[in-house]
Amino acid sequence: MTNPPEDIAAWRKAERARLLALRDALPVAERRALDERVTQHILEAFPQIAGRTLGFYWPMKGEFDPRVLVLRLRERGSRTALPVVVRKAAPLEYREWWPGVETKPGVFDLPIPQGSPVLVPEVVLMPPVGFDAAGYRLGYGGGYFDRTLASLSPQPLKIGVARELTRIVTIHPQPYDIPMDFVVTEAGVFPRG
């Protein structure tokens, strides 16, 4: 384990910028090929999530695109829900999403389902900016996923979906950071720890 930097917030900001630049530099065709591998890994490694309520996200900034996976899981009976920022510094709310549901742009212009029920996810897909072998994720810095996970009982199955090039030695976890149970990249499925 490396020693934590004196200013964790500044280190995380710089590391976040570095990793986002790496991810953004991947050509779109390469991203799609990597996404297909990640989707296949999840379908093979987690057959138990079919039929469960899945919290997912709409991709941005070169993240793994979970939409093909979501459609396949919906075909297998899963209900799917997108996160919604209800208010600053509060847990996210998950609203049911299905193809054709009415949406309106929300934070970062991401779609928010309109008039659909609020669901409590049994499985949550999370897109880390960076991740470490202990299962901790470096996010965008707002703390929304950590607050959301801290508010859920029982805990959902937490699956991080990432690019292998965003693996780092440690994110220097803080007491409020909640680890993922698994991280899935194009290289495979990695349990926490």
N, C-alpha and C. Protein backbone atom coordinates (compact mmCIF):
# COMPACT_ATOMS: atom_id res chain seq x y z
N MET A 1 0.85 -1.19 0.00
CA MET A 1 0.00 0.00 0.00
C MET A 1 0.89 1.24 0.00
N THR A 2 0.54 2.19 -0.81
CA THR A 2 1.32 3.43 -0.86
C THR A 2 0.82 4.39 0.22
N ASN A 3 1.71 5.25 0.64
CA ASN A 3 1.33 6.24 1.65
C ASN A 3 0.35 7.24 1.04
N PRO A 4 -0.65 7.64 1.82
CA PRO A 4 -1.61 8.61 1.27
C PRO A 4 -0.96 9.97 1.06
N PRO A 5 -1.37 10.67 0.02
CA PRO A 5 -0.85 12.03 -0.19
C PRO A 5 -1.34 12.95 0.91
N GLU A 6 -0.61 14.04 1.11
CA GLU A 6 -1.00 15.00 2.16
C GLU A 6 -2.38 15.59 1.89
N ASP A 7 -2.64 15.90 0.63
CA ASP A 7 -3.93 16.49 0.25
C ASP A 7 -4.69 15.49 -0.62
N ILE A 8 -5.52 14.66 0.03
CA ILE A 8 -6.27 13.61 -0.67
C ILE A 8 -7.16 14.22 -1.75
N ALA A 9 -7.85 15.31 -1.42
CA ALA A 9 -8.79 15.92 -2.38
C ALA A 9 -8.05 16.37 -3.64
N ALA A 10 -6.90 17.00 -3.49
CA ALA A 10 -6.14 17.47 -4.65
C ALA A 10 -5.61 16.28 -5.45
N TRP A 11 -5.12 15.22 -4.75
CA TRP A 11 -4.64 14.03 -5.45
C TRP A 11 -5.78 13.40 -6.25
N ARG A 12 -6.96 13.26 -5.62
CA ARG A 12 -8.09 12.64 -6.32
C ARG A 12 -8.51 13.47 -7.53
N LYS A 13 -8.50 14.77 -7.40
CA LYS A 13 -8.88 15.64 -8.53
C LYS A 13 -7.91 15.43 -9.70
N ALA A 14 -6.62 15.39 -9.41
CA ALA A 14 -5.62 15.20 -10.46
C ALA A 14 -5.72 13.80 -11.06
N GLU A 15 -5.91 12.79 -10.22
CA GLU A 15 -6.01 11.41 -10.71
C GLU A 15 -7.27 11.24 -11.56
N ARG A 16 -8.35 11.86 -11.12
CA ARG A 16 -9.61 11.81 -11.88
C ARG A 16 -9.40 12.41 -13.27
N ALA A 17 -8.76 13.55 -13.35
CA ALA A 17 -8.51 14.20 -14.65
C ALA A 17 -7.63 13.31 -15.54
N ARG A 18 -6.59 12.69 -14.94
CA ARG A 18 -5.69 11.82 -15.70
C ARG A 18 -6.44 10.62 -16.27
N LEU A 19 -7.25 9.97 -15.43
CA LEU A 19 -7.97 8.77 -15.85
C LEU A 19 -9.06 9.10 -16.87
N LEU A 20 -9.74 10.21 -16.69
CA LEU A 20 -10.77 10.61 -17.67
C LEU A 20 -10.13 10.88 -19.04
N ALA A 21 -8.94 11.47 -19.04
CA ALA A 21 -8.25 11.73 -20.31
C ALA A 21 -7.86 10.41 -20.99
N LEU A 22 -7.37 9.44 -20.20
CA LEU A 22 -7.04 8.13 -20.76
C LEU A 22 -8.28 7.48 -21.37
N ARG A 23 -9.37 7.50 -20.62
CA ARG A 23 -10.60 6.86 -21.08
C ARG A 23 -11.14 7.56 -22.32
N ASP A 24 -11.09 8.87 -22.31
CA ASP A 24 -11.62 9.65 -23.43
C ASP A 24 -10.79 9.44 -24.70
N ALA A 25 -9.52 9.10 -24.55
CA ALA A 25 -8.64 8.91 -25.71
C ALA A 25 -8.90 7.60 -26.45
N LEU A 26 -9.65 6.68 -25.84
CA LEU A 26 -9.96 5.42 -26.52
C LEU A 26 -10.86 5.68 -27.72
N PRO A 27 -10.50 5.18 -28.89
CA PRO A 27 -11.37 5.34 -30.06
C PRO A 27 -12.73 4.67 -29.83
N VAL A 28 -13.78 5.22 -30.41
CA VAL A 28 -15.14 4.71 -30.21
C VAL A 28 -15.25 3.24 -30.59
N ALA A 29 -14.64 2.83 -31.69
CA ALA A 29 -14.72 1.42 -32.11
C ALA A 29 -14.09 0.51 -31.06
N GLU A 30 -13.00 0.95 -30.46
CA GLU A 30 -12.35 0.15 -29.42
C GLU A 30 -13.24 0.07 -28.17
N ARG A 31 -13.85 1.20 -27.81
CA ARG A 31 -14.78 1.21 -26.67
C ARG A 31 -15.90 0.19 -26.86
N ARG A 32 -16.47 0.18 -28.07
CA ARG A 32 -17.58 -0.76 -28.35
C ARG A 32 -17.12 -2.20 -28.21
N ALA A 33 -15.94 -2.51 -28.71
CA ALA A 33 -15.42 -3.88 -28.59
C ALA A 33 -15.19 -4.25 -27.13
N LEU A 34 -14.66 -3.32 -26.34
CA LEU A 34 -14.45 -3.57 -24.91
C LEU A 34 -15.79 -3.74 -24.20
N ASP A 35 -16.77 -2.93 -24.58
CA ASP A 35 -18.11 -3.01 -23.97
C ASP A 35 -18.73 -4.38 -24.21
N GLU A 36 -18.55 -4.92 -25.41
CA GLU A 36 -19.10 -6.25 -25.72
C GLU A 36 -18.49 -7.30 -24.80
N ARG A 37 -17.18 -7.20 -24.54
CA ARG A 37 -16.53 -8.16 -23.66
C ARG A 37 -17.03 -8.03 -22.22
N VAL A 38 -17.17 -6.80 -21.75
CA VAL A 38 -17.68 -6.58 -20.39
C VAL A 38 -19.10 -7.13 -20.26
N THR A 39 -19.94 -6.85 -21.23
CA THR A 39 -21.33 -7.35 -21.22
C THR A 39 -21.32 -8.87 -21.14
N GLN A 40 -20.51 -9.52 -21.94
CA GLN A 40 -20.45 -10.98 -21.93
C GLN A 40 -19.96 -11.51 -20.58
N HIS A 41 -18.95 -10.86 -20.01
CA HIS A 41 -18.45 -11.28 -18.68
C HIS A 41 -19.57 -11.21 -17.64
N ILE A 42 -20.34 -10.14 -17.65
CA ILE A 42 -21.40 -9.98 -16.65
C ILE A 42 -22.48 -11.04 -16.84
N LEU A 43 -22.91 -11.25 -18.07
CA LEU A 43 -23.96 -12.24 -18.32
C LEU A 43 -23.52 -13.64 -17.91
N GLU A 44 -22.26 -13.97 -18.13
CA GLU A 44 -21.75 -15.29 -17.77
C GLU A 44 -21.49 -15.44 -16.27
N ALA A 45 -20.96 -14.39 -15.64
CA ALA A 45 -20.55 -14.49 -14.23
C ALA A 45 -21.70 -14.27 -13.24
N PHE A 46 -22.76 -13.58 -13.67
CA PHE A 46 -23.83 -13.23 -12.75
C PHE A 46 -25.20 -13.64 -13.28
N PRO A 47 -25.43 -14.93 -13.53
CA PRO A 47 -26.75 -15.34 -14.04
C PRO A 47 -27.87 -15.03 -13.05
N GLN A 48 -27.53 -14.91 -11.77
CA GLN A 48 -28.53 -14.66 -10.73
C GLN A 48 -29.14 -13.26 -10.80
N ILE A 49 -28.57 -12.36 -11.60
CA ILE A 49 -29.15 -11.01 -11.65
C ILE A 49 -30.33 -10.92 -12.63
N ALA A 50 -30.49 -11.92 -13.48
CA ALA A 50 -31.66 -11.93 -14.37
C ALA A 50 -32.91 -12.01 -13.51
N GLY A 51 -33.88 -11.17 -13.82
CA GLY A 51 -35.12 -11.15 -13.05
C GLY A 51 -35.07 -10.24 -11.83
N ARG A 52 -33.91 -9.69 -11.52
CA ARG A 52 -33.76 -8.79 -10.38
C ARG A 52 -33.95 -7.33 -10.80
N THR A 53 -34.14 -6.46 -9.83
CA THR A 53 -34.22 -5.03 -10.09
C THR A 53 -32.79 -4.48 -10.18
N LEU A 54 -32.48 -3.89 -11.33
CA LEU A 54 -31.13 -3.43 -11.63
C LEU A 54 -31.09 -1.91 -11.71
N GLY A 55 -30.26 -1.30 -10.89
CA GLY A 55 -29.97 0.12 -11.02
C GLY A 55 -28.79 0.27 -11.97
N PHE A 56 -28.95 1.06 -13.00
CA PHE A 56 -27.86 1.27 -13.95
C PHE A 56 -27.71 2.76 -14.20
N TYR A 57 -26.93 3.15 -15.16
CA TYR A 57 -26.65 4.56 -15.44
C TYR A 57 -26.63 4.74 -16.95
N TRP A 58 -26.87 5.97 -17.38
CA TRP A 58 -26.76 6.31 -18.80
C TRP A 58 -25.32 6.73 -19.03
N PRO A 59 -24.62 6.15 -20.02
CA PRO A 59 -23.18 6.39 -20.14
C PRO A 59 -22.83 7.80 -20.60
N MET A 60 -21.69 8.26 -20.10
CA MET A 60 -21.12 9.55 -20.51
C MET A 60 -19.60 9.47 -20.35
N LYS A 61 -18.89 10.34 -20.98
CA LYS A 61 -17.44 10.49 -20.81
C LYS A 61 -16.67 9.19 -20.99
N GLY A 62 -17.03 8.40 -21.98
CA GLY A 62 -16.27 7.19 -22.28
C GLY A 62 -16.50 6.02 -21.35
N GLU A 63 -17.54 6.09 -20.52
CA GLU A 63 -17.84 4.98 -19.61
C GLU A 63 -18.29 3.74 -20.38
N PHE A 64 -18.20 2.60 -19.72
CA PHE A 64 -18.80 1.38 -20.26
C PHE A 64 -20.27 1.69 -20.54
N ASP A 65 -20.75 1.29 -21.70
CA ASP A 65 -22.14 1.52 -22.08
C ASP A 65 -22.96 0.29 -21.68
N PRO A 66 -23.79 0.40 -20.64
CA PRO A 66 -24.53 -0.76 -20.15
C PRO A 66 -25.84 -1.03 -20.88
N ARG A 67 -26.19 -0.25 -21.90
CA ARG A 67 -27.54 -0.35 -22.47
C ARG A 67 -27.82 -1.69 -23.15
N VAL A 68 -26.84 -2.30 -23.82
CA VAL A 68 -27.07 -3.62 -24.42
C VAL A 68 -27.30 -4.64 -23.31
N LEU A 69 -26.48 -4.59 -22.28
CA LEU A 69 -26.64 -5.48 -21.12
C LEU A 69 -28.03 -5.31 -20.50
N VAL A 70 -28.46 -4.07 -20.33
CA VAL A 70 -29.77 -3.78 -19.73
C VAL A 70 -30.89 -4.39 -20.57
N LEU A 71 -30.82 -4.24 -21.87
CA LEU A 71 -31.86 -4.81 -22.74
C LEU A 71 -31.88 -6.33 -22.63
N ARG A 72 -30.71 -6.94 -22.57
CA ARG A 72 -30.66 -8.41 -22.43
C ARG A 72 -31.23 -8.85 -21.08
N LEU A 73 -30.95 -8.11 -20.03
CA LEU A 73 -31.50 -8.47 -18.72
C LEU A 73 -33.00 -8.22 -18.66
N ARG A 74 -33.47 -7.18 -19.33
CA ARG A 74 -34.92 -6.95 -19.39
C ARG A 74 -35.61 -8.13 -20.09
N GLU A 75 -34.98 -8.66 -21.14
CA GLU A 75 -35.54 -9.84 -21.83
C GLU A 75 -35.64 -11.04 -20.88
N ARG A 76 -34.82 -11.04 -19.84
CA ARG A 76 -34.79 -12.13 -18.87
C ARG A 76 -35.58 -11.79 -17.60
N GLY A 77 -36.40 -10.75 -17.68
CA GLY A 77 -37.31 -10.45 -16.58
C GLY A 77 -36.87 -9.40 -15.59
N SER A 78 -35.74 -8.76 -15.82
CA SER A 78 -35.28 -7.72 -14.89
C SER A 78 -36.07 -6.44 -15.06
N ARG A 79 -36.26 -5.74 -13.94
CA ARG A 79 -36.74 -4.35 -13.98
C ARG A 79 -35.49 -3.49 -13.91
N THR A 80 -35.49 -2.37 -14.61
CA THR A 80 -34.31 -1.53 -14.68
C THR A 80 -34.65 -0.10 -14.30
N ALA A 81 -33.69 0.56 -13.66
CA ALA A 81 -33.96 1.90 -13.15
C ALA A 81 -32.72 2.77 -13.27
N LEU A 82 -32.95 4.04 -13.60
CA LEU A 82 -31.89 5.03 -13.72
C LEU A 82 -31.82 5.90 -12.46
N PRO A 83 -30.60 6.31 -12.07
CA PRO A 83 -30.47 7.19 -10.89
C PRO A 83 -30.89 8.61 -11.21
N VAL A 84 -31.46 9.24 -10.20
CA VAL A 84 -31.92 10.62 -10.34
C VAL A 84 -31.38 11.41 -9.14
N VAL A 85 -30.75 12.54 -9.43
CA VAL A 85 -30.32 13.45 -8.36
C VAL A 85 -31.57 14.20 -7.90
N VAL A 86 -32.00 13.89 -6.68
CA VAL A 86 -33.20 14.53 -6.14
C VAL A 86 -32.86 15.91 -5.59
N ARG A 87 -31.74 15.97 -4.87
CA ARG A 87 -31.21 17.25 -4.39
C ARG A 87 -29.73 17.06 -4.08
N LYS A 88 -29.01 18.15 -4.04
CA LYS A 88 -27.57 18.11 -3.80
C LYS A 88 -27.26 17.46 -2.46
N ALA A 89 -26.21 16.64 -2.44
CA ALA A 89 -25.71 15.98 -1.22
C ALA A 89 -26.72 15.01 -0.60
N ALA A 90 -27.62 14.47 -1.40
CA ALA A 90 -28.60 13.49 -0.92
C ALA A 90 -28.41 12.19 -1.70
N PRO A 91 -28.91 11.07 -1.15
CA PRO A 91 -28.85 9.83 -1.93
C PRO A 91 -29.62 9.97 -3.24
N LEU A 92 -29.19 9.19 -4.22
CA LEU A 92 -29.90 9.13 -5.50
C LEU A 92 -31.21 8.38 -5.34
N GLU A 93 -32.14 8.66 -6.21
CA GLU A 93 -33.40 7.91 -6.28
C GLU A 93 -33.38 7.17 -7.63
N TYR A 94 -33.82 5.93 -7.63
CA TYR A 94 -33.85 5.16 -8.88
C TYR A 94 -35.28 5.11 -9.41
N ARG A 95 -35.46 5.56 -10.66
CA ARG A 95 -36.78 5.53 -11.30
C ARG A 95 -36.76 4.52 -12.43
N GLU A 96 -37.83 3.75 -12.53
CA GLU A 96 -37.88 2.68 -13.52
C GLU A 96 -37.72 3.22 -14.94
N TRP A 97 -36.92 2.51 -15.70
CA TRP A 97 -36.68 2.83 -17.10
C TRP A 97 -36.99 1.61 -17.95
N TRP A 98 -37.59 1.85 -19.10
CA TRP A 98 -37.78 0.82 -20.12
C TRP A 98 -37.73 1.53 -21.46
N PRO A 99 -37.46 0.78 -22.55
CA PRO A 99 -37.41 1.42 -23.86
C PRO A 99 -38.74 2.12 -24.15
N GLY A 100 -38.66 3.39 -24.49
CA GLY A 100 -39.86 4.14 -24.83
C GLY A 100 -40.44 4.95 -23.69
N VAL A 101 -39.95 4.76 -22.45
CA VAL A 101 -40.47 5.56 -21.34
C VAL A 101 -40.14 7.03 -21.60
N GLU A 102 -41.06 7.91 -21.24
CA GLU A 102 -40.80 9.34 -21.41
C GLU A 102 -39.68 9.76 -20.47
N THR A 103 -38.73 10.54 -21.00
CA THR A 103 -37.63 11.06 -20.19
C THR A 103 -37.48 12.55 -20.44
N LYS A 104 -36.85 13.20 -19.47
CA LYS A 104 -36.45 14.60 -19.62
C LYS A 104 -35.00 14.71 -19.21
N PRO A 105 -34.26 15.66 -19.78
CA PRO A 105 -32.85 15.80 -19.40
C PRO A 105 -32.71 16.30 -17.96
N GLY A 106 -31.76 15.68 -17.25
CA GLY A 106 -31.47 16.08 -15.88
C GLY A 106 -30.03 16.58 -15.79
N VAL A 107 -29.38 16.28 -14.66
CA VAL A 107 -28.00 16.67 -14.45
C VAL A 107 -27.14 16.09 -15.58
N PHE A 108 -26.22 16.88 -16.11
CA PHE A 108 -25.37 16.51 -17.25
C PHE A 108 -26.19 16.13 -18.49
N ASP A 109 -27.44 16.57 -18.56
CA ASP A 109 -28.35 16.23 -19.66
C ASP A 109 -28.65 14.74 -19.75
N LEU A 110 -28.46 14.00 -18.65
CA LEU A 110 -28.77 12.57 -18.64
C LEU A 110 -30.27 12.38 -18.50
N PRO A 111 -30.83 11.34 -19.14
CA PRO A 111 -32.29 11.17 -19.13
C PRO A 111 -32.83 10.77 -17.75
N ILE A 112 -33.94 11.40 -17.39
CA ILE A 112 -34.66 11.08 -16.16
C ILE A 112 -36.04 10.56 -16.57
N PRO A 113 -36.36 9.30 -16.22
CA PRO A 113 -37.70 8.79 -16.53
C PRO A 113 -38.78 9.64 -15.86
N GLN A 114 -39.85 9.88 -16.60
CA GLN A 114 -40.96 10.69 -16.10
C GLN A 114 -42.16 9.80 -15.81
N GLY A 115 -42.75 9.96 -14.64
CA GLY A 115 -43.98 9.24 -14.31
C GLY A 115 -43.80 7.76 -14.05
N SER A 116 -42.57 7.30 -13.89
CA SER A 116 -42.37 5.88 -13.62
C SER A 116 -42.10 5.68 -12.13
N PRO A 117 -42.32 4.45 -11.63
CA PRO A 117 -42.17 4.24 -10.19
C PRO A 117 -40.71 4.32 -9.71
N VAL A 118 -40.57 4.67 -8.45
CA VAL A 118 -39.27 4.63 -7.78
C VAL A 118 -39.03 3.17 -7.37
N LEU A 119 -37.85 2.65 -7.69
CA LEU A 119 -37.51 1.27 -7.36
C LEU A 119 -36.30 1.25 -6.44
N VAL A 120 -36.18 0.18 -5.65
CA VAL A 120 -34.99 -0.04 -4.84
C VAL A 120 -34.19 -1.14 -5.52
N PRO A 121 -33.01 -0.82 -6.03
CA PRO A 121 -32.26 -1.82 -6.79
C PRO A 121 -31.70 -2.94 -5.90
N GLU A 122 -31.76 -4.15 -6.45
CA GLU A 122 -31.13 -5.30 -5.80
C GLU A 122 -29.71 -5.48 -6.31
N VAL A 123 -29.44 -4.91 -7.48
CA VAL A 123 -28.12 -4.92 -8.11
C VAL A 123 -27.87 -3.51 -8.62
N VAL A 124 -26.66 -3.00 -8.39
CA VAL A 124 -26.32 -1.66 -8.88
C VAL A 124 -25.06 -1.75 -9.73
N LEU A 125 -25.16 -1.25 -10.96
CA LEU A 125 -23.99 -1.08 -11.83
C LEU A 125 -23.45 0.32 -11.60
N MET A 126 -22.14 0.41 -11.35
CA MET A 126 -21.51 1.70 -11.08
C MET A 126 -20.32 1.90 -12.00
N PRO A 127 -20.18 3.10 -12.58
CA PRO A 127 -19.06 3.36 -13.49
C PRO A 127 -17.93 4.14 -12.80
N PRO A 128 -16.93 3.46 -12.25
CA PRO A 128 -15.86 4.23 -11.62
C PRO A 128 -15.00 4.95 -12.65
N VAL A 129 -14.49 6.11 -12.25
CA VAL A 129 -13.49 6.79 -13.06
C VAL A 129 -12.19 5.99 -12.93
N GLY A 130 -11.91 5.50 -11.72
CA GLY A 130 -10.77 4.65 -11.44
C GLY A 130 -11.17 3.67 -10.35
N PHE A 131 -10.40 2.59 -10.22
CA PHE A 131 -10.72 1.59 -9.19
C PHE A 131 -9.44 0.90 -8.75
N ASP A 132 -9.51 0.27 -7.55
CA ASP A 132 -8.36 -0.47 -7.06
C ASP A 132 -8.75 -1.90 -6.72
N ALA A 133 -7.78 -2.72 -6.39
CA ALA A 133 -8.02 -4.15 -6.14
C ALA A 133 -8.87 -4.38 -4.89
N ALA A 134 -8.91 -3.43 -4.00
CA ALA A 134 -9.73 -3.57 -2.79
C ALA A 134 -11.21 -3.29 -3.08
N GLY A 135 -11.53 -2.93 -4.33
CA GLY A 135 -12.91 -2.71 -4.71
C GLY A 135 -13.40 -1.28 -4.52
N TYR A 136 -12.49 -0.38 -4.20
CA TYR A 136 -12.90 1.02 -4.03
C TYR A 136 -12.88 1.73 -5.37
N ARG A 137 -13.82 2.66 -5.52
CA ARG A 137 -13.96 3.39 -6.77
C ARG A 137 -13.64 4.86 -6.56
N LEU A 138 -12.96 5.40 -7.53
CA LEU A 138 -12.77 6.84 -7.61
C LEU A 138 -13.86 7.33 -8.54
N GLY A 139 -14.79 8.11 -8.02
CA GLY A 139 -15.91 8.60 -8.83
C GLY A 139 -15.64 10.01 -9.33
N TYR A 140 -16.73 10.70 -9.64
CA TYR A 140 -16.61 12.06 -10.16
C TYR A 140 -16.46 13.11 -9.06
N GLY A 141 -16.59 12.67 -7.80
CA GLY A 141 -16.33 13.59 -6.69
C GLY A 141 -17.56 14.11 -5.98
N GLY A 142 -18.75 13.76 -6.44
CA GLY A 142 -19.96 14.26 -5.79
C GLY A 142 -20.42 13.42 -4.61
N GLY A 143 -19.94 12.18 -4.49
CA GLY A 143 -20.31 11.32 -3.37
C GLY A 143 -21.70 10.72 -3.46
N TYR A 144 -22.36 10.85 -4.61
CA TYR A 144 -23.75 10.38 -4.72
C TYR A 144 -23.88 8.86 -4.56
N PHE A 145 -23.01 8.11 -5.21
CA PHE A 145 -23.12 6.65 -5.09
C PHE A 145 -22.85 6.20 -3.66
N ASP A 146 -21.84 6.77 -2.99
CA ASP A 146 -21.55 6.37 -1.62
C ASP A 146 -22.72 6.69 -0.68
N ARG A 147 -23.31 7.88 -0.82
CA ARG A 147 -24.46 8.24 0.02
C ARG A 147 -25.64 7.31 -0.26
N THR A 148 -25.84 6.99 -1.54
CA THR A 148 -26.96 6.11 -1.91
C THR A 148 -26.76 4.72 -1.32
N LEU A 149 -25.57 4.16 -1.50
CA LEU A 149 -25.31 2.83 -0.97
C LEU A 149 -25.41 2.81 0.55
N ALA A 150 -24.94 3.84 1.21
CA ALA A 150 -25.03 3.91 2.68
C ALA A 150 -26.48 3.92 3.15
N SER A 151 -27.39 4.40 2.30
CA SER A 151 -28.80 4.50 2.70
C SER A 151 -29.60 3.23 2.44
N LEU A 152 -29.02 2.27 1.69
CA LEU A 152 -29.78 1.08 1.30
C LEU A 152 -29.57 -0.08 2.26
N SER A 153 -30.67 -0.70 2.67
CA SER A 153 -30.61 -1.89 3.50
C SER A 153 -31.77 -2.79 3.10
N PRO A 154 -31.49 -4.03 2.68
CA PRO A 154 -30.16 -4.64 2.59
C PRO A 154 -29.35 -4.03 1.45
N GLN A 155 -28.06 -4.26 1.52
CA GLN A 155 -27.17 -3.75 0.49
C GLN A 155 -27.41 -4.48 -0.83
N PRO A 156 -27.41 -3.75 -1.94
CA PRO A 156 -27.50 -4.42 -3.25
C PRO A 156 -26.16 -5.06 -3.60
N LEU A 157 -26.18 -5.92 -4.61
CA LEU A 157 -24.94 -6.42 -5.19
C LEU A 157 -24.35 -5.25 -5.96
N LYS A 158 -23.11 -4.89 -5.63
CA LYS A 158 -22.48 -3.70 -6.20
C LYS A 158 -21.43 -4.14 -7.23
N ILE A 159 -21.72 -3.86 -8.50
CA ILE A 159 -20.83 -4.25 -9.59
C ILE A 159 -20.30 -3.00 -10.28
N GLY A 160 -18.99 -2.80 -10.17
CA GLY A 160 -18.34 -1.72 -10.89
C GLY A 160 -18.02 -2.20 -12.30
N VAL A 161 -18.23 -1.35 -13.27
CA VAL A 161 -17.93 -1.68 -14.67
C VAL A 161 -16.97 -0.61 -15.18
N ALA A 162 -15.77 -1.07 -15.58
CA ALA A 162 -14.70 -0.11 -15.84
C ALA A 162 -13.83 -0.52 -17.02
N ARG A 163 -12.97 0.36 -17.39
CA ARG A 163 -11.93 0.11 -18.38
C ARG A 163 -10.68 -0.34 -17.62
N GLU A 164 -10.03 -1.38 -18.09
CA GLU A 164 -8.83 -1.90 -17.42
C GLU A 164 -7.77 -0.81 -17.26
N LEU A 165 -7.68 0.11 -18.21
CA LEU A 165 -6.67 1.16 -18.13
C LEU A 165 -6.90 2.13 -16.98
N THR A 166 -8.06 2.02 -16.30
CA THR A 166 -8.33 2.91 -15.15
C THR A 166 -8.08 2.23 -13.81
N ARG A 167 -7.45 1.05 -13.84
CA ARG A 167 -7.06 0.36 -12.60
C ARG A 167 -5.86 1.11 -12.00
N ILE A 168 -5.93 1.40 -10.71
CA ILE A 168 -4.83 2.07 -10.01
C ILE A 168 -4.49 1.27 -8.75
N VAL A 169 -3.36 1.56 -8.15
CA VAL A 169 -2.91 0.81 -6.96
C VAL A 169 -3.89 1.01 -5.81
N THR A 170 -4.27 2.24 -5.55
CA THR A 170 -5.23 2.54 -4.49
C THR A 170 -5.89 3.88 -4.78
N ILE A 171 -7.12 4.02 -4.31
CA ILE A 171 -7.76 5.33 -4.39
C ILE A 171 -7.55 6.11 -3.09
N HIS A 172 -6.81 5.49 -2.14
CA HIS A 172 -6.65 6.04 -0.79
C HIS A 172 -8.04 6.23 -0.17
N PRO A 173 -8.74 5.09 0.08
CA PRO A 173 -10.12 5.19 0.56
C PRO A 173 -10.25 5.95 1.87
N GLN A 174 -11.36 6.65 1.96
CA GLN A 174 -11.71 7.43 3.14
C GLN A 174 -12.85 6.70 3.86
N PRO A 175 -13.15 7.07 5.11
CA PRO A 175 -14.18 6.35 5.87
C PRO A 175 -15.55 6.30 5.19
N TYR A 176 -15.88 7.27 4.36
CA TYR A 176 -17.19 7.30 3.70
C TYR A 176 -17.22 6.50 2.41
N ASP A 177 -16.08 6.05 1.90
CA ASP A 177 -16.04 5.29 0.64
C ASP A 177 -16.56 3.87 0.87
N ILE A 178 -17.47 3.43 0.04
CA ILE A 178 -18.05 2.09 0.13
C ILE A 178 -17.52 1.27 -1.03
N PRO A 179 -16.89 0.12 -0.75
CA PRO A 179 -16.32 -0.67 -1.84
C PRO A 179 -17.38 -1.39 -2.66
N MET A 180 -17.01 -1.67 -3.90
CA MET A 180 -17.86 -2.47 -4.78
C MET A 180 -17.60 -3.94 -4.44
N ASP A 181 -18.56 -4.80 -4.72
CA ASP A 181 -18.37 -6.23 -4.48
C ASP A 181 -17.50 -6.86 -5.57
N PHE A 182 -17.67 -6.38 -6.79
CA PHE A 182 -16.93 -6.88 -7.95
C PHE A 182 -16.63 -5.71 -8.87
N VAL A 183 -15.53 -5.83 -9.62
CA VAL A 183 -15.27 -4.91 -10.72
C VAL A 183 -15.14 -5.78 -11.96
N VAL A 184 -15.84 -5.39 -13.02
CA VAL A 184 -15.77 -6.11 -14.28
C VAL A 184 -15.17 -5.17 -15.32
N THR A 185 -14.10 -5.67 -15.95
CA THR A 185 -13.47 -4.94 -17.06
C THR A 185 -13.41 -5.89 -18.25
N GLU A 186 -12.84 -5.42 -19.33
CA GLU A 186 -12.68 -6.28 -20.49
C GLU A 186 -11.78 -7.47 -20.19
N ALA A 187 -10.94 -7.38 -19.13
CA ALA A 187 -10.03 -8.46 -18.77
C ALA A 187 -10.68 -9.54 -17.91
N GLY A 188 -11.87 -9.28 -17.37
CA GLY A 188 -12.52 -10.29 -16.56
C GLY A 188 -13.32 -9.73 -15.40
N VAL A 189 -13.65 -10.63 -14.46
CA VAL A 189 -14.45 -10.30 -13.28
C VAL A 189 -13.54 -10.40 -12.06
N PHE A 190 -13.46 -9.33 -11.28
CA PHE A 190 -12.55 -9.27 -10.15
C PHE A 190 -13.32 -9.02 -8.85
N PRO A 191 -13.33 -10.02 -7.93
CA PRO A 191 -13.97 -9.79 -6.65
C PRO A 191 -13.15 -8.82 -5.80
N ARG A 192 -13.83 -8.14 -4.90
CA ARG A 192 -13.17 -7.18 -4.02
C ARG A 192 -12.11 -7.87 -3.18
N GLY A 193 -10.97 -7.21 -3.03
CA GLY A 193 -9.94 -7.66 -2.11
C GLY A 193 -9.02 -8.70 -2.67
